PDB file of N, CA and C in Angstrom:
ATOM      1  N   MET A   1      82.977 140.579  71.310  1.00  0.00           N
ATOM      2  CA  MET A   1      83.226 140.288  70.220  1.00  0.00           C
ATOM      3  C   MET A   1      84.412 138.761  70.616  1.00  0.00           C
ATOM      4  N   GLY A   2      85.278 139.167  71.445  1.00  0.00           N
ATOM      5  CA  GLY A   2      86.262 138.602  72.024  1.00  0.00           C
ATOM      6  C   GLY A   2      87.237 138.455  70.910  1.00  0.00           C
ATOM      7  N   SER A   3      87.825 139.434  70.548  1.00  0.00           N
ATOM      8  CA  SER A   3      88.797 139.511  69.770  1.00  0.00           C
ATOM      9  C   SER A   3      90.164 139.569  70.050  1.00  0.00           C
ATOM     10  N   HIS A   4      91.019 139.111  69.150  1.00  0.00           N
ATOM     11  CA  HIS A   4      92.598 139.691  70.092  1.00  0.00           C
ATOM     12  C   HIS A   4      93.506 140.412  69.174  1.00  0.00           C
ATOM     13  N   THR A   5      94.440 140.559  69.707  1.00  0.00           N
ATOM     14  CA  THR A   5      95.517 141.650  68.496  1.00  0.00           C
ATOM     15  C   THR A   5      96.620 140.945  68.144  1.00  0.00           C
ATOM     16  N   ARG A   6      96.400 140.905  67.024  1.00  0.00           N
ATOM     17  CA  ARG A   6      98.347 140.418  66.178  1.00  0.00           C
ATOM     18  C   ARG A   6      98.269 141.224  65.086  1.00  0.00           C
ATOM     19  N   LYS A   7      99.642 140.615  64.684  1.00  0.00           N
ATOM     20  CA  LYS A   7     100.185 141.479  64.019  1.00  0.00           C
ATOM     21  C   LYS A   7      99.600 141.751  62.331  1.00  0.00           C
ATOM     22  N   LEU A   8      99.692 142.539  61.268  1.00  0.00           N
ATOM     23  CA  LEU A   8      99.511 141.815  60.130  1.00  0.00           C
ATOM     24  C   LEU A   8     101.106 142.218  59.237  1.00  0.00           C
ATOM     25  N   LEU A   9     102.031 141.655  59.096  1.00  0.00           N
ATOM     26  CA  LEU A   9     102.695 141.299  57.808  1.00  0.00           C
ATOM     27  C   LEU A   9     102.503 141.305  56.645  1.00  0.00           C
ATOM     28  N   SER A  10     102.909 142.280  56.050  1.00  0.00           N
ATOM     29  CA  SER A  10     102.429 142.285  54.450  1.00  0.00           C
ATOM     30  C   SER A  10     103.954 142.613  53.593  1.00  0.00           C
ATOM     31  N   VAL A  11     104.740 142.040  53.101  1.00  0.00           N
ATOM     32  CA  VAL A  11     105.956 141.410  52.049  1.00  0.00           C
ATOM     33  C   VAL A  11     104.902 141.482  50.499  1.00  0.00           C
ATOM     34  N   ILE A  12     105.592 142.880  49.776  1.00  0.00           N
ATOM     35  CA  ILE A  12     105.787 142.337  48.336  1.00  0.00           C
ATOM     36  C   ILE A  12     106.990 142.787  48.035  1.00  0.00           C
ATOM     37  N   THR A  13     107.552 141.603  46.977  1.00  0.00           N
ATOM     38  CA  THR A  13     108.665 141.571  46.392  1.00  0.00           C
ATOM     39  C   THR A  13     108.545 140.188  45.209  1.00  0.00           C
ATOM     40  N   GLU A  14     110.056 140.424  44.540  1.00  0.00           N
ATOM     41  CA  GLU A  14     109.921 139.482  43.302  1.00  0.00           C
ATOM     42  C   GLU A  14     109.614 138.094  43.351  1.00  0.00           C
ATOM     43  N   THR A  15     109.292 137.560  42.715  1.00  0.00           N
ATOM     44  CA  THR A  15     108.238 136.111  42.638  1.00  0.00           C
ATOM     45  C   THR A  15     109.624 135.144  42.763  1.00  0.00           C
ATOM     46  N   ALA A  16     110.783 135.645  42.721  1.00  0.00           N
ATOM     47  CA  ALA A  16     111.998 134.699  41.904  1.00  0.00           C
ATOM     48  C   ALA A  16     111.923 134.292  43.626  1.00  0.00           C
ATOM     49  N   ILE A  17     111.930 135.169  44.519  1.00  0.00           N
ATOM     50  CA  ILE A  17     112.323 134.063  45.987  1.00  0.00           C
ATOM     51  C   ILE A  17     111.366 134.216  46.605  1.00  0.00           C
ATOM     52  N   GLU A  18     109.877 133.624  46.016  1.00  0.00           N
ATOM     53  CA  GLU A  18     108.654 133.268  46.569  1.00  0.00           C
ATOM     54  C   GLU A  18     109.432 131.831  47.530  1.00  0.00           C
ATOM     55  N   ASP A  19     109.929 130.913  46.846  1.00  0.00           N
ATOM     56  CA  ASP A  19     110.327 129.001  47.702  1.00  0.00           C
ATOM     57  C   ASP A  19     110.968 130.073  48.557  1.00  0.00           C
ATOM     58  N   THR A  20     112.006 130.473  48.716  1.00  0.00           N
ATOM     59  CA  THR A  20     112.690 130.555  49.853  1.00  0.00           C
ATOM     60  C   THR A  20     112.368 131.563  50.942  1.00  0.00           C
ATOM     61  N   LEU A  21     111.852 132.843  50.564  1.00  0.00           N
ATOM     62  CA  LEU A  21     111.504 133.575  51.642  1.00  0.00           C
ATOM     63  C   LEU A  21     110.207 132.519  52.225  1.00  0.00           C
ATOM     64  N   LEU A  22     109.417 131.880  51.470  1.00  0.00           N
ATOM     65  CA  LEU A  22     108.178 131.289  52.252  1.00  0.00           C
ATOM     66  C   LEU A  22     108.655 130.266  53.836  1.00  0.00           C
ATOM     67  N   ALA A  23     110.174 129.480  53.471  1.00  0.00           N
ATOM     68  CA  ALA A  23     110.515 128.605  53.969  1.00  0.00           C
ATOM     69  C   ALA A  23     111.150 129.828  55.448  1.00  0.00           C
ATOM     70  N   ASP A  24     111.867 130.793  54.677  1.00  0.00           N
ATOM     71  CA  ASP A  24     112.798 131.355  55.391  1.00  0.00           C
ATOM     72  C   ASP A  24     111.056 132.347  57.140  1.00  0.00           C
ATOM     73  N   ILE A  25     110.017 132.441  56.383  1.00  0.00           N
ATOM     74  CA  ILE A  25     108.801 132.586  57.177  1.00  0.00           C
ATOM     75  C   ILE A  25     108.462 132.098  58.088  1.00  0.00           C
ATOM     76  N   GLU A  26     108.220 130.290  58.039  1.00  0.00           N
ATOM     77  CA  GLU A  26     107.934 129.533  58.369  1.00  0.00           C
ATOM     78  C   GLU A  26     108.988 129.096  59.342  1.00  0.00           C
ATOM     79  N   LYS A  27     110.375 129.703  58.816  1.00  0.00           N
ATOM     80  CA  LYS A  27     111.552 129.134  60.094  1.00  0.00           C
ATOM     81  C   LYS A  27     111.449 129.877  61.079  1.00  0.00           C
ATOM     82  N   MET A  28     111.184 131.323  60.836  1.00  0.00           N
ATOM     83  CA  MET A  28     110.906 132.594  62.128  1.00  0.00           C
ATOM     84  C   MET A  28     109.568 131.890  63.154  1.00  0.00           C
ATOM     85  N   GLY A  29     108.756 130.856  62.693  1.00  0.00           N
ATOM     86  CA  GLY A  29     108.058 130.925  63.372  1.00  0.00           C
ATOM     87  C   GLY A  29     106.432 131.028  62.871  1.00  0.00           C
ATOM     88  N   ALA A  30     106.042 131.564  62.130  1.00  0.00           N
ATOM     89  CA  ALA A  30     104.606 131.497  61.414  1.00  0.00           C
ATOM     90  C   ALA A  30     103.517 130.494  61.125  1.00  0.00           C
ATOM     91  N   HIS A  31     102.723 130.405  61.478  1.00  0.00           N
ATOM     92  CA  HIS A  31     101.881 129.249  60.984  1.00  0.00           C
ATOM     93  C   HIS A  31     101.528 129.213  60.152  1.00  0.00           C
ATOM     94  N   GLY A  32     101.571 130.206  59.520  1.00  0.00           N
ATOM     95  CA  GLY A  32     101.053 129.962  58.078  1.00  0.00           C
ATOM     96  C   GLY A  32     101.063 131.445  57.132  1.00  0.00           C
ATOM     97  N   TYR A  33     101.116 131.654  56.025  1.00  0.00           N
ATOM     98  CA  TYR A  33     100.835 132.898  55.243  1.00  0.00           C
ATOM     99  C   TYR A  33      99.921 132.664  54.057  1.00  0.00           C
ATOM    100  N   THR A  34      99.378 133.649  53.186  1.00  0.00           N
ATOM    101  CA  THR A  34      98.534 134.060  52.070  1.00  0.00           C
ATOM    102  C   THR A  34      99.793 134.660  51.102  1.00  0.00           C
ATOM    103  N   VAL A  35      99.653 133.585  49.733  1.00  0.00           N
ATOM    104  CA  VAL A  35     100.692 134.324  48.812  1.00  0.00           C
ATOM    105  C   VAL A  35      99.684 134.737  47.446  1.00  0.00           C
ATOM    106  N   THR A  36     100.245 135.976  46.566  1.00  0.00           N
ATOM    107  CA  THR A  36      98.811 136.577  45.694  1.00  0.00           C
ATOM    108  C   THR A  36     100.022 137.017  44.901  1.00  0.00           C
ATOM    109  N   ASP A  37      99.860 136.888  43.545  1.00  0.00           N
ATOM    110  CA  ASP A  37     100.355 137.864  42.409  1.00  0.00           C
ATOM    111  C   ASP A  37      99.943 139.588  42.411  1.00  0.00           C
ATOM    112  N   VAL A  38     100.629 140.046  42.074  1.00  0.00           N
ATOM    113  CA  VAL A  38     100.426 141.239  42.654  1.00  0.00           C
ATOM    114  C   VAL A  38     101.118 141.669  41.087  1.00  0.00           C
ATOM    115  N   ARG A  39     100.925 143.585  40.919  1.00  0.00           N
ATOM    116  CA  ARG A  39     101.524 144.209  39.547  1.00  0.00           C
ATOM    117  C   ARG A  39     101.202 145.838  40.543  1.00  0.00           C
ATOM    118  N   GLY A  40     102.472 146.564  39.886  1.00  0.00           N
ATOM    119  CA  GLY A  40     102.000 148.087  39.630  1.00  0.00           C
ATOM    120  C   GLY A  40     103.440 148.704  39.815  1.00  0.00           C
ATOM    121  N   LYS A  41     103.273 149.557  39.810  1.00  0.00           N
ATOM    122  CA  LYS A  41     104.575 150.873  39.732  1.00  0.00           C
ATOM    123  C   LYS A  41     105.285 151.609  40.795  1.00  0.00           C
ATOM    124  N   GLY A  42     106.532 151.448  41.203  1.00  0.00           N
ATOM    125  CA  GLY A  42     107.271 152.109  42.297  1.00  0.00           C
ATOM    126  C   GLY A  42     108.574 152.366  41.649  1.00  0.00           C
ATOM    127  N   SER A  43     109.803 152.320  43.047  1.00  0.00           N
ATOM    128  CA  SER A  43     110.856 153.157  42.715  1.00  0.00           C
ATOM    129  C   SER A  43     111.791 151.971  41.713  1.00  0.00           C
ATOM    130  N   ARG A  44     111.547 150.784  41.659  1.00  0.00           N
ATOM    131  CA  ARG A  44     111.697 150.129  40.455  1.00  0.00           C
ATOM    132  C   ARG A  44     111.396 149.907  39.048  1.00  0.00           C
ATOM    133  N   GLY A  45     110.534 151.026  39.071  1.00  0.00           N
ATOM    134  CA  GLY A  45     109.937 150.869  37.746  1.00  0.00           C
ATOM    135  C   GLY A  45     108.221 149.509  37.698  1.00  0.00           C
ATOM    136  N   VAL A  46     107.916 149.588  36.337  1.00  0.00           N
ATOM    137  CA  VAL A  46     106.213 148.996  36.365  1.00  0.00           C
ATOM    138  C   VAL A  46     106.877 147.404  36.194  1.00  0.00           C
ATOM    139  N   ARG A  47     106.040 147.040  37.602  1.00  0.00           N
ATOM    140  CA  ARG A  47     106.095 145.543  37.922  1.00  0.00           C
ATOM    141  C   ARG A  47     105.065 145.001  37.131  1.00  0.00           C
ATOM    142  N   ASN A  48     104.693 143.912  36.052  1.00  0.00           N
ATOM    143  CA  ASN A  48     103.118 144.182  35.500  1.00  0.00           C
ATOM    144  C   ASN A  48     102.779 142.476  35.153  1.00  0.00           C
ATOM    145  N   ALA A  49     103.651 141.696  35.848  1.00  0.00           N
ATOM    146  CA  ALA A  49     103.571 139.993  35.892  1.00  0.00           C
ATOM    147  C   ALA A  49     103.318 139.589  34.921  1.00  0.00           C
ATOM    148  N   ALA A  50     103.773 140.484  33.816  1.00  0.00           N
ATOM    149  CA  ALA A  50     103.525 139.645  32.264  1.00  0.00           C
ATOM    150  C   ALA A  50     104.674 138.586  32.185  1.00  0.00           C
ATOM    151  N   TRP A  51     105.657 138.769  32.832  1.00  0.00           N
ATOM    152  CA  TRP A  51     106.917 138.248  32.292  1.00  0.00           C
ATOM    153  C   TRP A  51     106.989 137.915  33.907  1.00  0.00           C
ATOM    154  N   ASP A  52     107.857 136.032  33.578  1.00  0.00           N
ATOM    155  CA  ASP A  52     107.886 135.845  35.471  1.00  0.00           C
ATOM    156  C   ASP A  52     108.912 136.369  35.590  1.00  0.00           C
ATOM    157  N   ALA A  53     109.877 137.186  34.895  1.00  0.00           N
ATOM    158  CA  ALA A  53     110.781 137.749  35.326  1.00  0.00           C
ATOM    159  C   ALA A  53     110.804 139.437  36.378  1.00  0.00           C
ATOM    160  N   SER A  54     109.838 140.440  35.952  1.00  0.00           N
ATOM    161  CA  SER A  54     109.369 141.135  36.218  1.00  0.00           C
ATOM    162  C   SER A  54     108.247 140.805  37.295  1.00  0.00           C
ATOM    163  N   SER A  55     107.849 139.707  37.438  1.00  0.00           N
ATOM    164  CA  SER A  55     106.399 139.766  38.791  1.00  0.00           C
ATOM    165  C   SER A  55     107.103 139.624  39.533  1.00  0.00           C
ATOM    166  N   ASN A  56     106.056 140.140  40.654  1.00  0.00           N
ATOM    167  CA  ASN A  56     106.054 140.462  42.109  1.00  0.00           C
ATOM    168  C   ASN A  56     105.000 139.602  42.901  1.00  0.00           C
ATOM    169  N   ILE A  57     104.821 139.327  44.131  1.00  0.00           N
ATOM    170  CA  ILE A  57     104.132 138.528  44.270  1.00  0.00           C
ATOM    171  C   ILE A  57     103.335 139.397  46.226  1.00  0.00           C
ATOM    172  N   ARG A  58     102.816 139.132  46.561  1.00  0.00           N
ATOM    173  CA  ARG A  58     102.703 140.079  47.630  1.00  0.00           C
ATOM    174  C   ARG A  58     101.877 138.630  49.151  1.00  0.00           C
ATOM    175  N   VAL A  59     103.005 138.089  49.984  1.00  0.00           N
ATOM    176  CA  VAL A  59     103.321 137.741  51.300  1.00  0.00           C
ATOM    177  C   VAL A  59     102.121 137.991  52.171  1.00  0.00           C
ATOM    178  N   GLU A  60     101.565 137.921  52.990  1.00  0.00           N
ATOM    179  CA  GLU A  60     100.721 138.069  54.250  1.00  0.00           C
ATOM    180  C   GLU A  60     100.809 136.925  55.078  1.00  0.00           C
ATOM    181  N   VAL A  61     101.161 137.588  55.916  1.00  0.00           N
ATOM    182  CA  VAL A  61     100.815 136.559  57.114  1.00  0.00           C
ATOM    183  C   VAL A  61     100.365 137.672  58.782  1.00  0.00           C
ATOM    184  N   VAL A  62      99.709 136.912  59.717  1.00  0.00           N
ATOM    185  CA  VAL A  62      99.135 136.878  60.413  1.00  0.00           C
ATOM    186  C   VAL A  62     100.086 136.209  61.956  1.00  0.00           C
ATOM    187  N   CYS A  63     100.367 137.261  62.430  1.00  0.00           N
ATOM    188  CA  CYS A  63     101.421 136.120  63.706  1.00  0.00           C
ATOM    189  C   CYS A  63     101.333 137.257  64.935  1.00  0.00           C
ATOM    190  N   ASP A  64     102.112 136.834  66.369  1.00  0.00           N
ATOM    191  CA  ASP A  64     102.320 137.499  67.278  1.00  0.00           C
ATOM    192  C   ASP A  64     103.497 138.885  66.791  1.00  0.00           C
ATOM    193  N   SER A  65     103.726 139.734  67.850  1.00  0.00           N
ATOM    194  CA  SER A  65     104.476 140.318  67.960  1.00  0.00           C
ATOM    195  C   SER A  65     105.855 140.085  67.667  1.00  0.00           C
ATOM    196  N   ASP A  66     106.252 139.083  68.260  1.00  0.00           N
ATOM    197  CA  ASP A  66     107.638 138.708  68.616  1.00  0.00           C
ATOM    198  C   ASP A  66     107.643 138.127  67.080  1.00  0.00           C
ATOM    199  N   VAL A  67     107.395 137.241  66.435  1.00  0.00           N
ATOM    200  CA  VAL A  67     107.246 136.588  65.102  1.00  0.00           C
ATOM    201  C   VAL A  67     107.713 137.754  63.949  1.00  0.00           C
ATOM    202  N   ALA A  68     106.605 138.466  63.777  1.00  0.00           N
ATOM    203  CA  ALA A  68     106.882 139.910  63.254  1.00  0.00           C
ATOM    204  C   ALA A  68     108.213 140.600  63.172  1.00  0.00           C
ATOM    205  N   GLY A  69     108.515 140.569  64.342  1.00  0.00           N
ATOM    206  CA  GLY A  69     109.691 141.415  64.045  1.00  0.00           C
ATOM    207  C   GLY A  69     111.331 140.662  63.881  1.00  0.00           C
ATOM    208  N   ALA A  70     111.008 139.276  64.363  1.00  0.00           N
ATOM    209  CA  ALA A  70     112.444 138.518  63.860  1.00  0.00           C
ATOM    210  C   ALA A  70     111.776 138.348  62.581  1.00  0.00           C
ATOM    211  N   ILE A  71     111.008 138.085  61.640  1.00  0.00           N
ATOM    212  CA  ILE A  71     110.833 137.791  60.149  1.00  0.00           C
ATOM    213  C   ILE A  71     111.269 139.400  59.901  1.00  0.00           C
ATOM    214  N   ILE A  72     110.548 140.598  60.310  1.00  0.00           N
ATOM    215  CA  ILE A  72     111.164 141.961  59.544  1.00  0.00           C
ATOM    216  C   ILE A  72     112.887 141.574  59.793  1.00  0.00           C
ATOM    217  N   ALA A  73     113.112 141.634  60.805  1.00  0.00           N
ATOM    218  CA  ALA A  73     114.483 141.851  60.828  1.00  0.00           C
ATOM    219  C   ALA A  73     115.699 140.831  60.135  1.00  0.00           C
ATOM    220  N   HIS A  74     114.764 139.396  59.814  1.00  0.00           N
ATOM    221  CA  HIS A  74     115.528 138.436  59.022  1.00  0.00           C
ATOM    222  C   HIS A  74     115.104 139.120  57.174  1.00  0.00           C
ATOM    223  N   LEU A  75     114.120 140.306  57.005  1.00  0.00           N
ATOM    224  CA  LEU A  75     114.223 140.470  55.807  1.00  0.00           C
ATOM    225  C   LEU A  75     115.368 141.700  55.179  1.00  0.00           C
ATOM    226  N   ARG A  76     115.617 142.615  56.131  1.00  0.00           N
ATOM    227  CA  ARG A  76     116.350 143.593  55.942  1.00  0.00           C
ATOM    228  C   ARG A  76     117.726 142.859  56.147  1.00  0.00           C
ATOM    229  N   LYS A  77     118.339 141.585  56.836  1.00  0.00           N
ATOM    230  CA  LYS A  77     119.546 141.311  56.852  1.00  0.00           C
ATOM    231  C   LYS A  77     119.780 140.875  55.547  1.00  0.00           C
ATOM    232  N   VAL A  78     118.868 139.537  55.037  1.00  0.00           N
ATOM    233  CA  VAL A  78     118.653 138.681  53.591  1.00  0.00           C
ATOM    234  C   VAL A  78     118.514 139.780  52.970  1.00  0.00           C
ATOM    235  N   TYR A  79     117.425 139.986  52.337  1.00  0.00           N
ATOM    236  CA  TYR A  79     116.841 140.347  51.275  1.00  0.00           C
ATOM    237  C   TYR A  79     116.928 142.041  51.163  1.00  0.00           C
ATOM    238  N   TYR A  80     116.824 142.938  51.750  1.00  0.00           N
ATOM    239  CA  TYR A  80     116.951 144.447  51.424  1.00  0.00           C
ATOM    240  C   TYR A  80     117.906 144.893  50.126  1.00  0.00           C
ATOM    241  N   ASP A  81     119.115 144.597  50.977  1.00  0.00           N
ATOM    242  CA  ASP A  81     119.819 144.797  49.982  1.00  0.00           C
ATOM    243  C   ASP A  81     120.089 144.168  48.769  1.00  0.00           C
ATOM    244  N   ASP A  82     119.352 143.257  47.855  1.00  0.00           N
ATOM    245  CA  ASP A  82     119.493 142.538  46.409  1.00  0.00           C
ATOM    246  C   ASP A  82     118.130 142.767  45.828  1.00  0.00           C
ATOM    247  N   TYR A  83     116.924 142.644  46.667  1.00  0.00           N
ATOM    248  CA  TYR A  83     115.863 142.530  46.364  1.00  0.00           C
ATOM    249  C   TYR A  83     114.774 143.586  46.266  1.00  0.00           C
ATOM    250  N   ALA A  84     114.351 144.077  45.244  1.00  0.00           N
ATOM    251  CA  ALA A  84     113.099 144.912  45.406  1.00  0.00           C
ATOM    252  C   ALA A  84     111.775 144.363  46.512  1.00  0.00           C
ATOM    253  N   MET A  85     111.730 145.397  47.348  1.00  0.00           N
ATOM    254  CA  MET A  85     110.877 144.505  48.492  1.00  0.00           C
ATOM    255  C   MET A  85     110.672 145.690  49.295  1.00  0.00           C
ATOM    256  N   ILE A  86     108.789 145.628  49.201  1.00  0.00           N
ATOM    257  CA  ILE A  86     108.714 146.341  50.220  1.00  0.00           C
ATOM    258  C   ILE A  86     107.886 145.960  51.365  1.00  0.00           C
ATOM    259  N   VAL A  87     107.863 146.086  52.883  1.00  0.00           N
ATOM    260  CA  VAL A  87     106.926 145.446  53.605  1.00  0.00           C
ATOM    261  C   VAL A  87     106.612 146.728  54.768  1.00  0.00           C
ATOM    262  N   TRP A  88     105.696 146.200  55.609  1.00  0.00           N
ATOM    263  CA  TRP A  88     104.934 146.764  56.201  1.00  0.00           C
ATOM    264  C   TRP A  88     104.017 145.785  57.497  1.00  0.00           C
ATOM    265  N   CYS A  89     103.413 146.799  58.473  1.00  0.00           N
ATOM    266  CA  CYS A  89     103.275 145.870  59.632  1.00  0.00           C
ATOM    267  C   CYS A  89     102.111 146.690  60.553  1.00  0.00           C
ATOM    268  N   HIS A  90     101.217 146.080  60.779  1.00  0.00           N
ATOM    269  CA  HIS A  90      99.977 146.718  61.604  1.00  0.00           C
ATOM    270  C   HIS A  90      99.434 145.878  62.622  1.00  0.00           C
ATOM    271  N   ASP A  91      98.583 146.190  63.435  1.00  0.00           N
ATOM    272  CA  ASP A  91      97.825 145.764  64.037  1.00  0.00           C
ATOM    273  C   ASP A  91      96.330 144.985  63.420  1.00  0.00           C
ATOM    274  N   VAL A  92      95.973 143.656  63.723  1.00  0.00           N
ATOM    275  CA  VAL A  92      94.883 143.109  63.146  1.00  0.00           C
ATOM    276  C   VAL A  92      93.774 142.609  64.594  1.00  0.00           C
ATOM    277  N   GLU A  93      92.629 142.971  64.537  1.00  0.00           N
ATOM    278  CA  GLU A  93      92.106 141.696  65.521  1.00  0.00           C
ATOM    279  C   GLU A  93      91.804 140.606  64.831  1.00  0.00           C
ATOM    280  N   VAL A  94      91.769 139.741  65.488  1.00  0.00           N
ATOM    281  CA  VAL A  94      91.553 138.560  65.233  1.00  0.00           C
ATOM    282  C   VAL A  94      90.775 137.547  66.371  1.00  0.00           C
ATOM    283  N   LEU A  95      89.907 136.433  66.162  1.00  0.00           N
ATOM    284  CA  LEU A  95      88.573 135.439  66.051  1.00  0.00           C
ATOM    285  C   LEU A  95      89.580 134.320  67.292  1.00  0.00           C
ATOM    286  N   ARG A  96      90.199 134.119  66.487  1.00  0.00           N
ATOM    287  CA  ARG A  96      90.603 132.529  67.135  1.00  0.00           C
ATOM    288  C   ARG A  96      92.021 132.639  67.750  1.00  0.00           C
ATOM    289  N   PRO A  97      92.765 133.480  67.994  1.00  0.00           N
ATOM    290  CA  PRO A  97      94.495 133.628  68.416  1.00  0.00           C
ATOM    291  C   PRO A  97      94.918 131.983  68.394  1.00  0.00           C
ATOM    292  N   GLU A  98      94.429 130.946  68.713  1.00  0.00           N
ATOM    293  CA  GLU A  98      95.600 130.101  69.160  1.00  0.00           C
ATOM    294  C   GLU A  98      95.934 129.591  67.584  1.00  0.00           C
ATOM    295  N   LYS A  99      94.810 130.472  65.760  1.00  0.00           N
ATOM    296  CA  LYS A  99      95.821 129.975  65.096  1.00  0.00           C
ATOM    297  C   LYS A  99      96.532 130.648  64.776  1.00  0.00           C
ATOM    298  N   PHE A 100      97.423 131.784  65.404  1.00  0.00           N
ATOM    299  CA  PHE A 100      98.250 132.582  64.715  1.00  0.00           C
ATOM    300  C   PHE A 100      99.144 132.816  66.022  1.00  0.00           C
TER     301      PHE A 100
END
């Protein structure tokens, strides 16, 4: 199969910080990302995306472990105290490692 291991970093957070967050992710070395609108319920209540002020996004980044670590450290330092945010990261197999 010829697959290679990379990290899939997933971030769910407030739509209000999308532009700044994406710029930060690129500065940290990510080659790209995927953004989707999401809704759900968590410790901060229901986020239904019916109103821009309460909408959430999910940002996914496939990258190497160094970039994932840098992004996670930055998110903790800059965003965690002031914004609703959840982050998780796990190994994924990719077929074209040069893209990530």
